[in-house]
């Protein structure tokens, strides 16, 4: 399988798009939580699905994925991937009284209550929507996320389920390593965007024409 061909100008435009989007996401999360939160994309790249899974700790590693479909000018899938401990801490920034949860979980069977799941779904919604809003500025019609769904499962299973719905000739994923920073605490995650083949070409064309 071959990776999509991306011009240098499109790569730079993509990095700038993520930079602006994550800054907007941080401002929105800060307003929601009352905490100062900075969200930064430390690395943006087209990479293979296998490398994404490996970066998450391997196919059998349990992660939290906040899934959102992509509709409008572009169609496809997106997911914010977090380690369970980091997901607990991130939910704790938006909710009070969860400081001890990460220390009481069984590492093999992490659990989240309804309030935490709701908070994490909102984090995914804000983060992905910020990126889609930036991309939508270069398209004729808006791009919107679907209602977020939080999933706790093996990294390989989450990504395989998304890839199975795509009709692409490659298994490349647009991945942005993302850090949520609150004071001295940094929570690492990744925003993955998997557009349908037609939407991928439209996205690259829009970015290359910036």
C-alpha atoms as a PDB file:
ATOM      1  CA  UNK A   1       0.000   0.000   0.000  1.00  0.00           C
ATOM      2  CA  UNK A   2       1.320   3.406  -0.933  1.00  0.00           C
ATOM      3  CA  UNK A   3       1.122   6.543   1.155  1.00  0.00           C
ATOM      4  CA  UNK A   4      -0.740   9.548  -0.245  1.00  0.00           C
ATOM      5  CA  UNK A   5       1.433  11.920  -2.218  1.00  0.00           C
ATOM      6  CA  UNK A   6       1.619  15.246  -0.396  1.00  0.00           C
ATOM      7  CA  UNK A   7       3.358  18.359  -1.671  1.00  0.00           C
ATOM      8  CA  UNK A   8       5.648  20.179   0.797  1.00  0.00           C
ATOM      9  CA  UNK A   9       3.303  23.177   0.726  1.00  0.00           C
ATOM     10  CA  UNK A  10       0.413  20.942   1.776  1.00  0.00           C
ATOM     11  CA  UNK A  11       2.476  19.442   4.609  1.00  0.00           C
ATOM     12  CA  UNK A  12       3.294  22.905   5.922  1.00  0.00           C
ATOM     13  CA  UNK A  13      -0.319  24.014   5.570  1.00  0.00           C
ATOM     14  CA  UNK A  14      -1.434  20.919   7.451  1.00  0.00           C
ATOM     15  CA  UNK A  15       0.934  21.669  10.325  1.00  0.00           C
ATOM     16  CA  UNK A  16      -0.282  25.261  10.509  1.00  0.00           C
ATOM     17  CA  UNK A  17      -3.897  24.075  10.414  1.00  0.00           C
ATOM     18  CA  UNK A  18      -3.316  21.766  13.376  1.00  0.00           C
ATOM     19  CA  UNK A  19      -1.405  24.482  15.239  1.00  0.00           C
ATOM     20  CA  UNK A  20      -4.302  26.923  14.943  1.00  0.00           C
ATOM     21  CA  UNK A  21      -6.878  24.245  15.693  1.00  0.00           C
ATOM     22  CA  UNK A  22      -5.196  22.975  18.851  1.00  0.00           C
ATOM     23  CA  UNK A  23      -4.750  26.527  20.129  1.00  0.00           C
ATOM     24  CA  UNK A  24      -8.500  27.077  19.658  1.00  0.00           C
ATOM     25  CA  UNK A  25      -9.250  23.756  21.378  1.00  0.00           C
ATOM     26  CA  UNK A  26      -7.136  24.778  24.372  1.00  0.00           C
ATOM     27  CA  UNK A  27      -9.006  28.069  24.714  1.00  0.00           C
ATOM     28  CA  UNK A  28     -12.363  26.295  24.541  1.00  0.00           C
ATOM     29  CA  UNK A  29     -11.376  23.647  27.096  1.00  0.00           C
ATOM     30  CA  UNK A  30     -10.013  26.355  29.371  1.00  0.00           C
ATOM     31  CA  UNK A  31     -13.316  28.202  29.299  1.00  0.00           C
ATOM     32  CA  UNK A  32     -15.218  24.990  30.019  1.00  0.00           C
ATOM     33  CA  UNK A  33     -13.007  23.838  32.892  1.00  0.00           C
ATOM     34  CA  UNK A  34     -11.850  27.053  34.512  1.00  0.00           C
ATOM     35  CA  UNK A  35      -8.267  25.778  34.173  1.00  0.00           C
ATOM     36  CA  UNK A  36      -5.562  27.118  31.902  1.00  0.00           C
ATOM     37  CA  UNK A  37      -5.155  24.378  29.313  1.00  0.00           C
ATOM     38  CA  UNK A  38      -2.785  24.504  26.368  1.00  0.00           C
ATOM     39  CA  UNK A  39      -3.243  21.993  23.567  1.00  0.00           C
ATOM     40  CA  UNK A  40      -0.370  21.582  21.139  1.00  0.00           C
ATOM     41  CA  UNK A  41       0.270  19.255  18.213  1.00  0.00           C
ATOM     42  CA  UNK A  42       3.883  18.178  18.732  1.00  0.00           C
ATOM     43  CA  UNK A  43       4.118  16.106  15.557  1.00  0.00           C
ATOM     44  CA  UNK A  44       1.882  15.913  12.484  1.00  0.00           C
ATOM     45  CA  UNK A  45       2.428  13.223   9.870  1.00  0.00           C
ATOM     46  CA  UNK A  46       0.864  10.756   7.499  1.00  0.00           C
ATOM     47  CA  UNK A  47       1.842   7.400   8.933  1.00  0.00           C
ATOM     48  CA  UNK A  48       0.802   3.765   8.668  1.00  0.00           C
ATOM     49  CA  UNK A  49      -1.907   2.343  10.894  1.00  0.00           C
ATOM     50  CA  UNK A  50       0.638  -0.188  12.207  1.00  0.00           C
ATOM     51  CA  UNK A  51       2.919   2.639  13.380  1.00  0.00           C
ATOM     52  CA  UNK A  52      -0.015   4.366  15.079  1.00  0.00           C
ATOM     53  CA  UNK A  53      -0.869   1.176  16.974  1.00  0.00           C
ATOM     54  CA  UNK A  54       2.777   0.654  17.899  1.00  0.00           C
ATOM     55  CA  UNK A  55       3.016   4.210  19.220  1.00  0.00           C
ATOM     56  CA  UNK A  56      -0.004   3.501  21.415  1.00  0.00           C
ATOM     57  CA  UNK A  57       1.865   0.598  23.009  1.00  0.00           C
ATOM     58  CA  UNK A  58       0.904  -2.235  20.679  1.00  0.00           C
ATOM     59  CA  UNK A  59      -2.284  -3.782  19.310  1.00  0.00           C
ATOM     60  CA  UNK A  60      -3.192  -5.351  22.651  1.00  0.00           C
ATOM     61  CA  UNK A  61      -2.742  -2.190  24.716  1.00  0.00           C
ATOM     62  CA  UNK A  62      -5.958  -0.853  26.248  1.00  0.00           C
ATOM     63  CA  UNK A  63      -6.605   2.759  25.287  1.00  0.00           C
ATOM     64  CA  UNK A  64      -9.477   5.216  25.424  1.00  0.00           C
ATOM     65  CA  UNK A  65     -10.705   6.329  22.017  1.00  0.00           C
ATOM     66  CA  UNK A  66     -13.171   9.166  21.539  1.00  0.00           C
ATOM     67  CA  UNK A  67     -14.643   8.511  18.098  1.00  0.00           C
ATOM     68  CA  UNK A  68     -16.355  11.046  15.839  1.00  0.00           C
ATOM     69  CA  UNK A  69     -17.513  10.608  12.275  1.00  0.00           C
ATOM     70  CA  UNK A  70     -16.772  13.358   9.736  1.00  0.00           C
ATOM     71  CA  UNK A  71     -19.621  14.692   7.583  1.00  0.00           C
ATOM     72  CA  UNK A  72     -20.194  17.551   5.155  1.00  0.00           C
ATOM     73  CA  UNK A  73     -17.606  18.580   2.577  1.00  0.00           C
ATOM     74  CA  UNK A  74     -15.402  15.746   3.838  1.00  0.00           C
ATOM     75  CA  UNK A  75     -16.446  12.292   4.986  1.00  0.00           C
ATOM     76  CA  UNK A  76     -14.551   9.796   7.082  1.00  0.00           C
ATOM     77  CA  UNK A  77     -13.585   9.111  10.658  1.00  0.00           C
ATOM     78  CA  UNK A  78     -11.633  10.694  13.474  1.00  0.00           C
ATOM     79  CA  UNK A  79     -10.591   9.558  16.930  1.00  0.00           C
ATOM     80  CA  UNK A  80      -8.771  11.062  19.887  1.00  0.00           C
ATOM     81  CA  UNK A  81      -6.640   8.336  21.493  1.00  0.00           C
ATOM     82  CA  UNK A  82      -5.561   8.583  25.143  1.00  0.00           C
ATOM     83  CA  UNK A  83      -3.911   6.257  27.651  1.00  0.00           C
ATOM     84  CA  UNK A  84      -6.398   5.393  30.450  1.00  0.00           C
ATOM     85  CA  UNK A  85      -4.412   7.167  33.180  1.00  0.00           C
ATOM     86  CA  UNK A  86      -4.130  10.302  31.080  1.00  0.00           C
ATOM     87  CA  UNK A  87      -7.828  10.105  30.239  1.00  0.00           C
ATOM     88  CA  UNK A  88      -8.677  10.066  33.952  1.00  0.00           C
ATOM     89  CA  UNK A  89      -6.501  13.113  34.542  1.00  0.00           C
ATOM     90  CA  UNK A  90      -7.959  14.947  31.569  1.00  0.00           C
ATOM     91  CA  UNK A  91     -11.497  14.246  32.756  1.00  0.00           C
ATOM     92  CA  UNK A  92     -10.406  15.520  36.168  1.00  0.00           C
ATOM     93  CA  UNK A  93      -9.561  18.898  34.647  1.00  0.00           C
ATOM     94  CA  UNK A  94     -13.175  19.263  33.561  1.00  0.00           C
ATOM     95  CA  UNK A  95     -14.792  17.649  36.589  1.00  0.00           C
ATOM     96  CA  UNK A  96     -14.209  17.910  40.323  1.00  0.00           C
ATOM     97  CA  UNK A  97     -13.577  14.965  42.658  1.00  0.00           C
ATOM     98  CA  UNK A  98     -11.770  12.560  40.337  1.00  0.00           C
ATOM     99  CA  UNK A  99      -8.197  13.023  41.558  1.00  0.00           C
ATOM    100  CA  UNK A 100      -8.001   9.564  43.137  1.00  0.00           C
ATOM    101  CA  UNK A 101      -9.566   7.482  40.369  1.00  0.00           C
ATOM    102  CA  UNK A 102      -6.418   6.901  38.328  1.00  0.00           C
ATOM    103  CA  UNK A 103      -4.702   5.373  41.388  1.00  0.00           C
ATOM    104  CA  UNK A 104      -7.517   2.909  42.136  1.00  0.00           C
ATOM    105  CA  UNK A 105      -7.973   1.423  38.662  1.00  0.00           C
ATOM    106  CA  UNK A 106      -6.792  -2.035  37.698  1.00  0.00           C
ATOM    107  CA  UNK A 107      -4.392  -1.271  34.841  1.00  0.00           C
ATOM    108  CA  UNK A 108      -5.826  -4.167  32.803  1.00  0.00           C
ATOM    109  CA  UNK A 109      -9.456  -3.163  33.204  1.00  0.00           C
ATOM    110  CA  UNK A 110      -9.705   0.634  33.371  1.00  0.00           C
ATOM    111  CA  UNK A 111     -13.180   1.950  34.071  1.00  0.00           C
ATOM    112  CA  UNK A 112     -14.829   5.334  33.738  1.00  0.00           C
ATOM    113  CA  UNK A 113     -18.122   6.491  35.158  1.00  0.00           C
ATOM    114  CA  UNK A 114     -20.750   8.330  33.129  1.00  0.00           C
ATOM    115  CA  UNK A 115     -19.544  11.800  34.117  1.00  0.00           C
ATOM    116  CA  UNK A 116     -15.978  11.019  33.100  1.00  0.00           C
ATOM    117  CA  UNK A 117     -17.093   9.542  29.791  1.00  0.00           C
ATOM    118  CA  UNK A 118     -19.198  12.637  29.137  1.00  0.00           C
ATOM    119  CA  UNK A 119     -16.217  14.890  29.883  1.00  0.00           C
ATOM    120  CA  UNK A 120     -13.918  12.871  27.613  1.00  0.00           C
ATOM    121  CA  UNK A 121     -16.475  12.902  24.814  1.00  0.00           C
ATOM    122  CA  UNK A 122     -16.590  16.689  25.074  1.00  0.00           C
ATOM    123  CA  UNK A 123     -12.788  16.863  24.935  1.00  0.00           C
ATOM    124  CA  UNK A 124     -12.850  14.778  21.758  1.00  0.00           C
ATOM    125  CA  UNK A 125     -15.645  16.871  20.304  1.00  0.00           C
ATOM    126  CA  UNK A 126     -13.850  20.174  20.998  1.00  0.00           C
ATOM    127  CA  UNK A 127     -10.496  18.931  19.715  1.00  0.00           C
ATOM    128  CA  UNK A 128     -11.717  17.333  16.494  1.00  0.00           C
ATOM    129  CA  UNK A 129     -14.244  20.096  15.769  1.00  0.00           C
ATOM    130  CA  UNK A 130     -11.476  22.692  16.051  1.00  0.00           C
ATOM    131  CA  UNK A 131      -9.484  20.883  13.356  1.00  0.00           C
ATOM    132  CA  UNK A 132     -12.526  20.446  11.103  1.00  0.00           C
ATOM    133  CA  UNK A 133     -13.422  24.129  11.508  1.00  0.00           C
ATOM    134  CA  UNK A 134      -9.950  25.116  10.301  1.00  0.00           C
ATOM    135  CA  UNK A 135     -10.127  22.712   7.359  1.00  0.00           C
ATOM    136  CA  UNK A 136     -13.617  23.929   6.503  1.00  0.00           C
ATOM    137  CA  UNK A 137     -12.296  27.440   5.909  1.00  0.00           C
ATOM    138  CA  UNK A 138     -10.636  26.129   2.725  1.00  0.00           C
ATOM    139  CA  UNK A 139     -13.720  24.308   1.409  1.00  0.00           C
ATOM    140  CA  UNK A 140     -16.991  25.448  -0.123  1.00  0.00           C
ATOM    141  CA  UNK A 141     -19.145  23.764   2.488  1.00  0.00           C
ATOM    142  CA  UNK A 142     -18.689  23.241   6.233  1.00  0.00           C
ATOM    143  CA  UNK A 143     -17.254  20.083   7.746  1.00  0.00           C
ATOM    144  CA  UNK A 144     -18.849  18.740  10.925  1.00  0.00           C
ATOM    145  CA  UNK A 145     -18.233  15.939  13.436  1.00  0.00           C
ATOM    146  CA  UNK A 146     -20.903  13.497  14.509  1.00  0.00           C
ATOM    147  CA  UNK A 147     -21.846  12.937  18.157  1.00  0.00           C
ATOM    148  CA  UNK A 148     -18.745  11.669  20.018  1.00  0.00           C
ATOM    149  CA  UNK A 149     -18.591   8.157  21.447  1.00  0.00           C
ATOM    150  CA  UNK A 150     -15.995   7.080  24.031  1.00  0.00           C
ATOM    151  CA  UNK A 151     -14.630   3.540  23.657  1.00  0.00           C
ATOM    152  CA  UNK A 152     -12.250   1.649  25.944  1.00  0.00           C
ATOM    153  CA  UNK A 153     -10.680  -1.195  23.985  1.00  0.00           C
ATOM    154  CA  UNK A 154      -7.448  -2.535  22.552  1.00  0.00           C
ATOM    155  CA  UNK A 155      -5.698  -0.030  20.265  1.00  0.00           C
ATOM    156  CA  UNK A 156      -5.625  -2.500  17.391  1.00  0.00           C
ATOM    157  CA  UNK A 157      -9.337  -3.247  17.648  1.00  0.00           C
ATOM    158  CA  UNK A 158     -10.344   0.420  17.625  1.00  0.00           C
ATOM    159  CA  UNK A 159      -8.276   1.277  14.565  1.00  0.00           C
ATOM    160  CA  UNK A 160      -9.157  -1.926  12.689  1.00  0.00           C
ATOM    161  CA  UNK A 161     -12.861  -1.166  13.108  1.00  0.00           C
ATOM    162  CA  UNK A 162     -12.382   2.251  11.505  1.00  0.00           C
ATOM    163  CA  UNK A 163     -10.140   1.031   8.680  1.00  0.00           C
ATOM    164  CA  UNK A 164     -12.675  -1.660   7.783  1.00  0.00           C
ATOM    165  CA  UNK A 165     -15.147   1.052   6.728  1.00  0.00           C
ATOM    166  CA  UNK A 166     -12.725   2.911   4.483  1.00  0.00           C
ATOM    167  CA  UNK A 167     -12.438   2.297   0.747  1.00  0.00           C
ATOM    168  CA  UNK A 168      -8.857   3.530   0.468  1.00  0.00           C
ATOM    169  CA  UNK A 169      -5.995   1.927  -1.430  1.00  0.00           C
ATOM    170  CA  UNK A 170      -3.678   2.578   1.493  1.00  0.00           C
ATOM    171  CA  UNK A 171      -3.816   2.350   5.265  1.00  0.00           C
ATOM    172  CA  UNK A 172      -2.201   5.684   5.981  1.00  0.00           C
ATOM    173  CA  UNK A 173      -3.553   7.762   8.854  1.00  0.00           C
ATOM    174  CA  UNK A 174      -3.234  11.486   9.455  1.00  0.00           C
ATOM    175  CA  UNK A 175      -1.871  11.470  13.002  1.00  0.00           C
ATOM    176  CA  UNK A 176      -1.125  14.437  15.229  1.00  0.00           C
ATOM    177  CA  UNK A 177       0.625  13.704  18.507  1.00  0.00           C
ATOM    178  CA  UNK A 178      -1.216  15.995  20.872  1.00  0.00           C
ATOM    179  CA  UNK A 179      -0.348  17.261  24.338  1.00  0.00           C
ATOM    180  CA  UNK A 180      -2.864  18.674  26.811  1.00  0.00           C
ATOM    181  CA  UNK A 181      -0.875  20.846  29.214  1.00  0.00           C
ATOM    182  CA  UNK A 182      -2.120  22.179  32.534  1.00  0.00           C
ATOM    183  CA  UNK A 183       0.626  23.756  34.614  1.00  0.00           C
ATOM    184  CA  UNK A 184       3.236  21.068  35.213  1.00  0.00           C
ATOM    185  CA  UNK A 185       0.976  18.233  34.055  1.00  0.00           C
ATOM    186  CA  UNK A 186       1.202  17.066  30.442  1.00  0.00           C
ATOM    187  CA  UNK A 187      -1.259  14.492  29.107  1.00  0.00           C
ATOM    188  CA  UNK A 188      -0.196  12.870  25.856  1.00  0.00           C
ATOM    189  CA  UNK A 189      -2.620  11.719  23.191  1.00  0.00           C
ATOM    190  CA  UNK A 190      -3.094  11.551  19.451  1.00  0.00           C
ATOM    191  CA  UNK A 191      -5.693  12.918  17.058  1.00  0.00           C
ATOM    192  CA  UNK A 192      -6.234  10.551  14.127  1.00  0.00           C
ATOM    193  CA  UNK A 193      -8.069  11.584  10.967  1.00  0.00           C
ATOM    194  CA  UNK A 194      -9.040   8.970   8.377  1.00  0.00           C
ATOM    195  CA  UNK A 195     -10.903  10.521   5.435  1.00  0.00           C
ATOM    196  CA  UNK A 196     -12.564   8.526   2.697  1.00  0.00           C
ATOM    197  CA  UNK A 197     -10.479   8.345  -0.498  1.00  0.00           C
ATOM    198  CA  UNK A 198     -12.398  11.072  -2.342  1.00  0.00           C
ATOM    199  CA  UNK A 199     -12.317  13.315   0.712  1.00  0.00           C
ATOM    200  CA  UNK A 200      -8.593  12.717   1.154  1.00  0.00           C
ATOM    201  CA  UNK A 201      -7.880  14.100  -2.302  1.00  0.00           C
ATOM    202  CA  UNK A 202     -10.152  17.074  -1.676  1.00  0.00           C
ATOM    203  CA  UNK A 203      -8.453  17.777   1.646  1.00  0.00           C
ATOM    204  CA  UNK A 204      -4.976  17.656   0.127  1.00  0.00           C
ATOM    205  CA  UNK A 205      -6.031  19.880  -2.757  1.00  0.00           C
ATOM    206  CA  UNK A 206      -7.487  22.455  -0.366  1.00  0.00           C
ATOM    207  CA  UNK A 207      -4.383  22.489   1.807  1.00  0.00           C
ATOM    208  CA  UNK A 208      -2.037  22.654  -1.164  1.00  0.00           C
ATOM    209  CA  UNK A 209      -3.880  25.660  -2.514  1.00  0.00           C
ATOM    210  CA  UNK A 210      -3.593  27.613   0.736  1.00  0.00           C
END
